[in-house]
Amino acid sequence: MQQALGVMGDQAIMISITFALGIAGIAGLFMALFWPRRWRLPYRVEIGFIVVLAGIVIYADRNSAQTFQAYEAGLASGQALSGEVVAGEVVAGQEGSAFDRSITVYAFQWGFLFFDEDGAASRNAVKVAPGAKVLFAIASNDVIHGFNIPAARMTTELEPGRTQSIWIRAPEKPGKYLIQCLNYCGLGHTQMKAWLVVEGDGPSPAAQEHG
């Protein structure tokens, strides 16, 4: 099974910095309470602390801006990119199918598990061909989750015990496109991400005619 996301993502770095500052603050508080003699921080330490906080804010803002720009760059226009399954549409692998791929997705705290038509599993990553019309049958394994692919302009909410069927048109440009949970689902929510990996040849002409 493929682990698409590394342990040290941007969110993990920010969480680590926050924990480090929190521990330093608690240590400073105990020193102020129990130190044998009264003391005060030098001004240069206070200024340094402010500079560190300002640097963290600038880093986070820059990272958010880059992420948003990546979303915008991945958005196509002029064609239908996603939607709910229409009654009568046939799943992938069957004659007359409107889809190139049929993927089953299980959302859990805190990740996504993908199963292809042959039952092969991959964790936090799914591969599709450029321009392919992909059917996702998505279910939550525990709590309410969200399933969002910005490049396909698709967002849906997942309730436990209910399967949501959604299709997308994969981007034409090969690359890795973000999949993320948009519903807060616990402490690991910010790390609940996956990749839509677009690579290989385009979909079959018959499938394109149905699209």
C-alpha atoms as a PDB file:
ATOM      1  CA  MET A   1       0.000   0.000   0.000  1.00  0.00           C
ATOM      2  CA  GLN A   2       1.325   3.390  -0.928  1.00  0.00           C
ATOM      3  CA  GLN A   3       1.766   6.109   1.664  1.00  0.00           C
ATOM      4  CA  ALA A   4       1.426   9.276  -0.379  1.00  0.00           C
ATOM      5  CA  LEU A   5       2.150  11.868   2.264  1.00  0.00           C
ATOM      6  CA  GLY A   6       5.381  12.138   4.201  1.00  0.00           C
ATOM      7  CA  VAL A   7       5.418  12.461   7.977  1.00  0.00           C
ATOM      8  CA  MET A   8       6.776  16.001   7.927  1.00  0.00           C
ATOM      9  CA  GLY A   9       4.266  18.041   5.982  1.00  0.00           C
ATOM     10  CA  ASP A  10       3.811  21.784   6.434  1.00  0.00           C
ATOM     11  CA  GLN A  11       1.114  21.236   9.051  1.00  0.00           C
ATOM     12  CA  ALA A  12       3.344  18.857  11.005  1.00  0.00           C
ATOM     13  CA  ILE A  13       6.125  21.452  11.008  1.00  0.00           C
ATOM     14  CA  MET A  14       3.764  24.138  12.324  1.00  0.00           C
ATOM     15  CA  ILE A  15       2.404  21.790  15.000  1.00  0.00           C
ATOM     16  CA  SER A  16       5.957  20.906  16.075  1.00  0.00           C
ATOM     17  CA  ILE A  17       6.885  24.588  16.349  1.00  0.00           C
ATOM     18  CA  THR A  18       3.702  25.314  18.327  1.00  0.00           C
ATOM     19  CA  PHE A  19       4.442  22.479  20.767  1.00  0.00           C
ATOM     20  CA  ALA A  20       8.045  23.637  21.169  1.00  0.00           C
ATOM     21  CA  LEU A  21       6.974  27.213  21.932  1.00  0.00           C
ATOM     22  CA  GLY A  22       4.301  25.954  24.315  1.00  0.00           C
ATOM     23  CA  ILE A  23       6.801  23.844  26.245  1.00  0.00           C
ATOM     24  CA  ALA A  24       9.252  26.754  26.351  1.00  0.00           C
ATOM     25  CA  GLY A  25       6.501  29.033  27.655  1.00  0.00           C
ATOM     26  CA  ILE A  26       5.495  26.581  30.394  1.00  0.00           C
ATOM     27  CA  ALA A  27       9.163  26.136  31.381  1.00  0.00           C
ATOM     28  CA  GLY A  28       9.564  29.914  31.573  1.00  0.00           C
ATOM     29  CA  LEU A  29       6.456  30.190  33.754  1.00  0.00           C
ATOM     30  CA  PHE A  30       7.768  27.596  36.229  1.00  0.00           C
ATOM     31  CA  MET A  31      11.148  29.324  36.304  1.00  0.00           C
ATOM     32  CA  ALA A  32       9.446  32.612  37.117  1.00  0.00           C
ATOM     33  CA  LEU A  33       7.424  30.975  39.909  1.00  0.00           C
ATOM     34  CA  PHE A  34      10.104  28.831  41.544  1.00  0.00           C
ATOM     35  CA  TRP A  35      13.450  30.429  40.699  1.00  0.00           C
ATOM     36  CA  PRO A  36      15.303  31.221  43.979  1.00  0.00           C
ATOM     37  CA  ARG A  37      15.781  34.853  43.138  1.00  0.00           C
ATOM     38  CA  ARG A  38      13.765  37.321  41.119  1.00  0.00           C
ATOM     39  CA  TRP A  39      14.801  37.677  37.526  1.00  0.00           C
ATOM     40  CA  ARG A  40      13.569  39.213  34.314  1.00  0.00           C
ATOM     41  CA  LEU A  41      14.168  38.396  30.689  1.00  0.00           C
ATOM     42  CA  PRO A  42      16.615  40.634  28.834  1.00  0.00           C
ATOM     43  CA  TYR A  43      14.986  42.829  26.234  1.00  0.00           C
ATOM     44  CA  ARG A  44      16.894  41.069  23.461  1.00  0.00           C
ATOM     45  CA  VAL A  45      15.183  37.767  24.417  1.00  0.00           C
ATOM     46  CA  GLU A  46      11.738  39.409  24.307  1.00  0.00           C
ATOM     47  CA  ILE A  47      12.524  40.971  20.940  1.00  0.00           C
ATOM     48  CA  GLY A  48      13.843  37.629  19.658  1.00  0.00           C
ATOM     49  CA  PHE A  49      10.642  35.901  20.740  1.00  0.00           C
ATOM     50  CA  ILE A  50       8.552  38.484  18.854  1.00  0.00           C
ATOM     51  CA  VAL A  51      10.739  38.014  15.759  1.00  0.00           C
ATOM     52  CA  VAL A  52      10.229  34.229  15.936  1.00  0.00           C
ATOM     53  CA  LEU A  53       6.445  34.654  16.183  1.00  0.00           C
ATOM     54  CA  ALA A  54       6.437  37.092  13.263  1.00  0.00           C
ATOM     55  CA  GLY A  55       8.520  34.621  11.224  1.00  0.00           C
ATOM     56  CA  ILE A  56       6.031  31.831  11.926  1.00  0.00           C
ATOM     57  CA  VAL A  57       3.120  34.010  10.813  1.00  0.00           C
ATOM     58  CA  ILE A  58       4.941  35.014   7.599  1.00  0.00           C
ATOM     59  CA  TYR A  59       5.869  31.373   6.890  1.00  0.00           C
ATOM     60  CA  ALA A  60       2.284  30.184   7.401  1.00  0.00           C
ATOM     61  CA  ASP A  61       0.848  32.994   5.271  1.00  0.00           C
ATOM     62  CA  ARG A  62       3.340  32.357   2.459  1.00  0.00           C
ATOM     63  CA  ASN A  63       2.573  28.641   2.542  1.00  0.00           C
ATOM     64  CA  SER A  64      -1.177  29.264   2.403  1.00  0.00           C
ATOM     65  CA  ALA A  65      -0.743  31.619  -0.547  1.00  0.00           C
ATOM     66  CA  GLN A  66       1.334  29.047  -2.441  1.00  0.00           C
ATOM     67  CA  THR A  67      -1.262  26.350  -1.770  1.00  0.00           C
ATOM     68  CA  PHE A  68      -4.079  28.571  -3.019  1.00  0.00           C
ATOM     69  CA  GLN A  69      -2.122  29.464  -6.153  1.00  0.00           C
ATOM     70  CA  ALA A  70      -1.523  25.753  -6.791  1.00  0.00           C
ATOM     71  CA  TYR A  71      -5.277  25.149  -6.531  1.00  0.00           C
ATOM     72  CA  GLU A  72      -6.017  27.935  -8.989  1.00  0.00           C
ATOM     73  CA  ALA A  73      -3.357  26.737 -11.437  1.00  0.00           C
ATOM     74  CA  GLY A  74      -4.901  23.269 -11.454  1.00  0.00           C
ATOM     75  CA  LEU A  75      -8.406  24.411 -12.299  1.00  0.00           C
ATOM     76  CA  ALA A  76      -9.521  23.806 -15.864  1.00  0.00           C
ATOM     77  CA  SER A  77     -12.366  25.643 -17.573  1.00  0.00           C
ATOM     78  CA  GLY A  78     -14.810  25.182 -20.411  1.00  0.00           C
ATOM     79  CA  GLN A  79     -15.925  21.625 -19.565  1.00  0.00           C
ATOM     80  CA  ALA A  80     -17.826  19.706 -16.911  1.00  0.00           C
ATOM     81  CA  LEU A  81     -15.286  18.541 -14.331  1.00  0.00           C
ATOM     82  CA  SER A  82     -17.386  16.722 -11.738  1.00  0.00           C
ATOM     83  CA  GLY A  83     -20.900  15.879 -10.630  1.00  0.00           C
ATOM     84  CA  GLU A  84     -23.199  13.385  -8.976  1.00  0.00           C
ATOM     85  CA  VAL A  85     -23.981  10.084 -10.668  1.00  0.00           C
ATOM     86  CA  VAL A  86     -27.067  10.243 -12.856  1.00  0.00           C
ATOM     87  CA  ALA A  87     -29.566   7.379 -12.699  1.00  0.00           C
ATOM     88  CA  GLY A  88     -28.934   4.975 -15.567  1.00  0.00           C
ATOM     89  CA  GLU A  89     -25.201   5.650 -15.901  1.00  0.00           C
ATOM     90  CA  VAL A  90     -23.234   2.411 -16.076  1.00  0.00           C
ATOM     91  CA  VAL A  91     -20.176   1.792 -13.934  1.00  0.00           C
ATOM     92  CA  ALA A  92     -16.707   1.313 -15.394  1.00  0.00           C
ATOM     93  CA  GLY A  93     -15.922  -2.083 -16.858  1.00  0.00           C
ATOM     94  CA  GLN A  94     -19.444  -2.700 -18.158  1.00  0.00           C
ATOM     95  CA  GLU A  95     -20.607  -2.319 -21.758  1.00  0.00           C
ATOM     96  CA  GLY A  96     -21.847   1.190 -22.433  1.00  0.00           C
ATOM     97  CA  SER A  97     -20.113   2.594 -19.362  1.00  0.00           C
ATOM     98  CA  ALA A  98     -19.858   6.368 -19.124  1.00  0.00           C
ATOM     99  CA  PHE A  99     -16.738   6.035 -16.939  1.00  0.00           C
ATOM    100  CA  ASP A 100     -13.122   5.036 -17.548  1.00  0.00           C
ATOM    101  CA  ARG A 101     -12.432   4.054 -13.943  1.00  0.00           C
ATOM    102  CA  SER A 102     -14.490   3.024 -10.911  1.00  0.00           C
ATOM    103  CA  ILE A 103     -12.779   3.634  -7.565  1.00  0.00           C
ATOM    104  CA  THR A 104     -14.081   2.757  -4.101  1.00  0.00           C
ATOM    105  CA  VAL A 105     -12.922   5.129  -1.370  1.00  0.00           C
ATOM    106  CA  TYR A 106     -13.021   4.659   2.402  1.00  0.00           C
ATOM    107  CA  ALA A 107     -12.401   7.771   4.500  1.00  0.00           C
ATOM    108  CA  PHE A 108     -11.116   7.248   8.029  1.00  0.00           C
ATOM    109  CA  GLN A 109      -9.366   9.179  10.786  1.00  0.00           C
ATOM    110  CA  TRP A 110      -7.106  10.427   9.227  1.00  0.00           C
ATOM    111  CA  GLY A 111      -6.652   9.320   5.649  1.00  0.00           C
ATOM    112  CA  PHE A 112      -8.172   7.762   2.541  1.00  0.00           C
ATOM    113  CA  LEU A 113      -8.066   4.164   1.326  1.00  0.00           C
ATOM    114  CA  PHE A 114      -8.633   3.560  -2.408  1.00  0.00           C
ATOM    115  CA  PHE A 115      -9.656   0.275  -4.068  1.00  0.00           C
ATOM    116  CA  ASP A 116      -9.594  -0.074  -7.861  1.00  0.00           C
ATOM    117  CA  GLU A 117     -11.775  -2.321 -10.035  1.00  0.00           C
ATOM    118  CA  ASP A 118      -9.535  -5.331  -9.320  1.00  0.00           C
ATOM    119  CA  GLY A 119      -9.579  -4.820  -5.556  1.00  0.00           C
ATOM    120  CA  ALA A 120      -5.990  -3.506  -5.376  1.00  0.00           C
ATOM    121  CA  ALA A 121      -5.591  -1.042  -2.511  1.00  0.00           C
ATOM    122  CA  SER A 122      -3.538   2.119  -2.154  1.00  0.00           C
ATOM    123  CA  ARG A 123      -3.409   4.441   0.800  1.00  0.00           C
ATOM    124  CA  ASN A 124      -3.679   8.192   0.246  1.00  0.00           C
ATOM    125  CA  ALA A 125      -3.038   8.031  -3.513  1.00  0.00           C
ATOM    126  CA  VAL A 126      -4.956   6.922  -6.608  1.00  0.00           C
ATOM    127  CA  LYS A 127      -3.654   6.838 -10.197  1.00  0.00           C
ATOM    128  CA  VAL A 128      -5.791   7.824 -13.193  1.00  0.00           C
ATOM    129  CA  ALA A 129      -5.154   8.649 -16.850  1.00  0.00           C
ATOM    130  CA  PRO A 130      -5.192  12.249 -18.134  1.00  0.00           C
ATOM    131  CA  GLY A 131      -8.729  13.356 -18.957  1.00  0.00           C
ATOM    132  CA  ALA A 132     -10.277  10.132 -17.637  1.00  0.00           C
ATOM    133  CA  LYS A 133     -13.841  10.194 -16.346  1.00  0.00           C
ATOM    134  CA  VAL A 134     -13.576   8.563 -12.911  1.00  0.00           C
ATOM    135  CA  LEU A 135     -16.414   7.313 -10.710  1.00  0.00           C
ATOM    136  CA  PHE A 136     -15.782   7.473  -6.952  1.00  0.00           C
ATOM    137  CA  ALA A 137     -17.976   5.481  -4.561  1.00  0.00           C
ATOM    138  CA  ILE A 138     -17.037   7.088  -1.234  1.00  0.00           C
ATOM    139  CA  ALA A 139     -17.935   6.060   2.318  1.00  0.00           C
ATOM    140  CA  SER A 140     -16.843   7.103   5.805  1.00  0.00           C
ATOM    141  CA  ASN A 141     -15.502   4.416   8.097  1.00  0.00           C
ATOM    142  CA  ASP A 142     -16.019   6.340  11.359  1.00  0.00           C
ATOM    143  CA  VAL A 143     -17.109  10.011  11.565  1.00  0.00           C
ATOM    144  CA  ILE A 144     -18.318  12.697   9.160  1.00  0.00           C
ATOM    145  CA  HIS A 145     -15.596  13.539   6.633  1.00  0.00           C
ATOM    146  CA  GLY A 146     -15.315  15.707   3.530  1.00  0.00           C
ATOM    147  CA  PHE A 147     -13.918  14.705   0.124  1.00  0.00           C
ATOM    148  CA  ASN A 148     -12.560  17.576  -1.924  1.00  0.00           C
ATOM    149  CA  ILE A 149     -10.537  17.617  -5.168  1.00  0.00           C
ATOM    150  CA  PRO A 150      -9.892  21.314  -5.958  1.00  0.00           C
ATOM    151  CA  ALA A 151      -8.601  20.633  -9.492  1.00  0.00           C
ATOM    152  CA  ALA A 152     -11.896  18.907 -10.359  1.00  0.00           C
ATOM    153  CA  ARG A 153     -14.065  21.443  -8.498  1.00  0.00           C
ATOM    154  CA  MET A 154     -15.595  18.641  -6.488  1.00  0.00           C
ATOM    155  CA  THR A 155     -16.601  18.620  -2.819  1.00  0.00           C
ATOM    156  CA  THR A 156     -18.914  16.262  -0.984  1.00  0.00           C
ATOM    157  CA  GLU A 157     -19.709  15.427   2.636  1.00  0.00           C
ATOM    158  CA  LEU A 158     -19.481  11.825   3.811  1.00  0.00           C
ATOM    159  CA  GLU A 159     -21.769  10.448   6.502  1.00  0.00           C
ATOM    160  CA  PRO A 160     -21.010   7.130   8.245  1.00  0.00           C
ATOM    161  CA  GLY A 161     -23.070   4.257   6.831  1.00  0.00           C
ATOM    162  CA  ARG A 162     -23.863   6.035   3.547  1.00  0.00           C
ATOM    163  CA  THR A 163     -22.061   5.691   0.209  1.00  0.00           C
ATOM    164  CA  GLN A 164     -21.771   8.814  -1.949  1.00  0.00           C
ATOM    165  CA  SER A 165     -21.259   8.328  -5.711  1.00  0.00           C
ATOM    166  CA  ILE A 166     -19.457  11.188  -7.452  1.00  0.00           C
ATOM    167  CA  TRP A 167     -17.621  11.422 -10.766  1.00  0.00           C
ATOM    168  CA  ILE A 168     -14.773  13.685 -11.854  1.00  0.00           C
ATOM    169  CA  ARG A 169     -12.961  14.474 -15.074  1.00  0.00           C
ATOM    170  CA  ALA A 170      -9.238  14.067 -14.349  1.00  0.00           C
ATOM    171  CA  PRO A 171      -6.974  16.974 -15.349  1.00  0.00           C
ATOM    172  CA  GLU A 172      -5.366  16.687 -18.786  1.00  0.00           C
ATOM    173  CA  LYS A 173      -1.961  17.680 -17.438  1.00  0.00           C
ATOM    174  CA  PRO A 174      -0.017  14.847 -15.722  1.00  0.00           C
ATOM    175  CA  GLY A 175       0.974  15.511 -12.135  1.00  0.00           C
ATOM    176  CA  LYS A 176      -0.169  15.169  -8.530  1.00  0.00           C
ATOM    177  CA  TYR A 177      -3.410  16.898  -7.508  1.00  0.00           C
ATOM    178  CA  LEU A 178      -4.572  17.360  -3.943  1.00  0.00           C
ATOM    179  CA  ILE A 179      -7.423  15.410  -2.346  1.00  0.00           C
ATOM    180  CA  GLN A 180      -8.393  16.613   1.124  1.00  0.00           C
ATOM    181  CA  CYS A 181     -10.974  16.395   3.898  1.00  0.00           C
ATOM    182  CA  LEU A 182     -12.854  19.664   4.457  1.00  0.00           C
ATOM    183  CA  ASN A 183     -14.927  18.636   7.493  1.00  0.00           C
ATOM    184  CA  TYR A 184     -13.165  18.863  10.859  1.00  0.00           C
ATOM    185  CA  CYS A 185     -12.808  15.257  12.005  1.00  0.00           C
ATOM    186  CA  GLY A 186     -10.401  15.346  14.944  1.00  0.00           C
ATOM    187  CA  LEU A 187      -6.824  16.194  15.843  1.00  0.00           C
ATOM    188  CA  GLY A 188      -5.345  14.783  12.633  1.00  0.00           C
ATOM    189  CA  HIS A 189      -7.764  16.596  10.307  1.00  0.00           C
ATOM    190  CA  THR A 190      -5.155  18.910   8.792  1.00  0.00           C
ATOM    191  CA  GLN A 191      -3.067  15.899   7.733  1.00  0.00           C
ATOM    192  CA  MET A 192      -6.010  14.080   6.111  1.00  0.00           C
ATOM    193  CA  LYS A 193      -4.864  14.472   2.523  1.00  0.00           C
ATOM    194  CA  ALA A 194      -4.180  12.296  -0.493  1.00  0.00           C
ATOM    195  CA  TRP A 195      -3.008  12.586  -4.109  1.00  0.00           C
ATOM    196  CA  LEU A 196      -4.850  12.175  -7.378  1.00  0.00           C
ATOM    197  CA  VAL A 197      -1.893  11.036  -9.502  1.00  0.00           C
ATOM    198  CA  VAL A 198      -2.490  11.749 -13.205  1.00  0.00           C
ATOM    199  CA  GLU A 199      -0.177   9.807 -15.480  1.00  0.00           C
ATOM    200  CA  GLY A 200      -0.140   7.562 -18.559  1.00  0.00           C
ATOM    201  CA  ASP A 201      -2.219   7.743 -21.749  1.00  0.00           C
ATOM    202  CA  GLY A 202      -5.597   9.421 -22.086  1.00  0.00           C
ATOM    203  CA  PRO A 203      -8.985   7.663 -21.872  1.00  0.00           C
ATOM    204  CA  SER A 204     -10.466   5.598 -24.671  1.00  0.00           C
ATOM    205  CA  PRO A 205     -12.332   7.453 -27.476  1.00  0.00           C
ATOM    206  CA  ALA A 206     -15.568   5.607 -26.576  1.00  0.00           C
ATOM    207  CA  ALA A 207     -15.475   6.888 -23.027  1.00  0.00           C
ATOM    208  CA  GLN A 208     -14.767  10.426 -24.253  1.00  0.00           C
ATOM    209  CA  GLU A 209     -17.888  10.279 -26.434  1.00  0.00           C
ATOM    210  CA  HIS A 210     -19.987   9.466 -23.351  1.00  0.00           C
ATOM    211  CA  GLY A 211     -18.417  12.388 -21.440  1.00  0.00           C
END
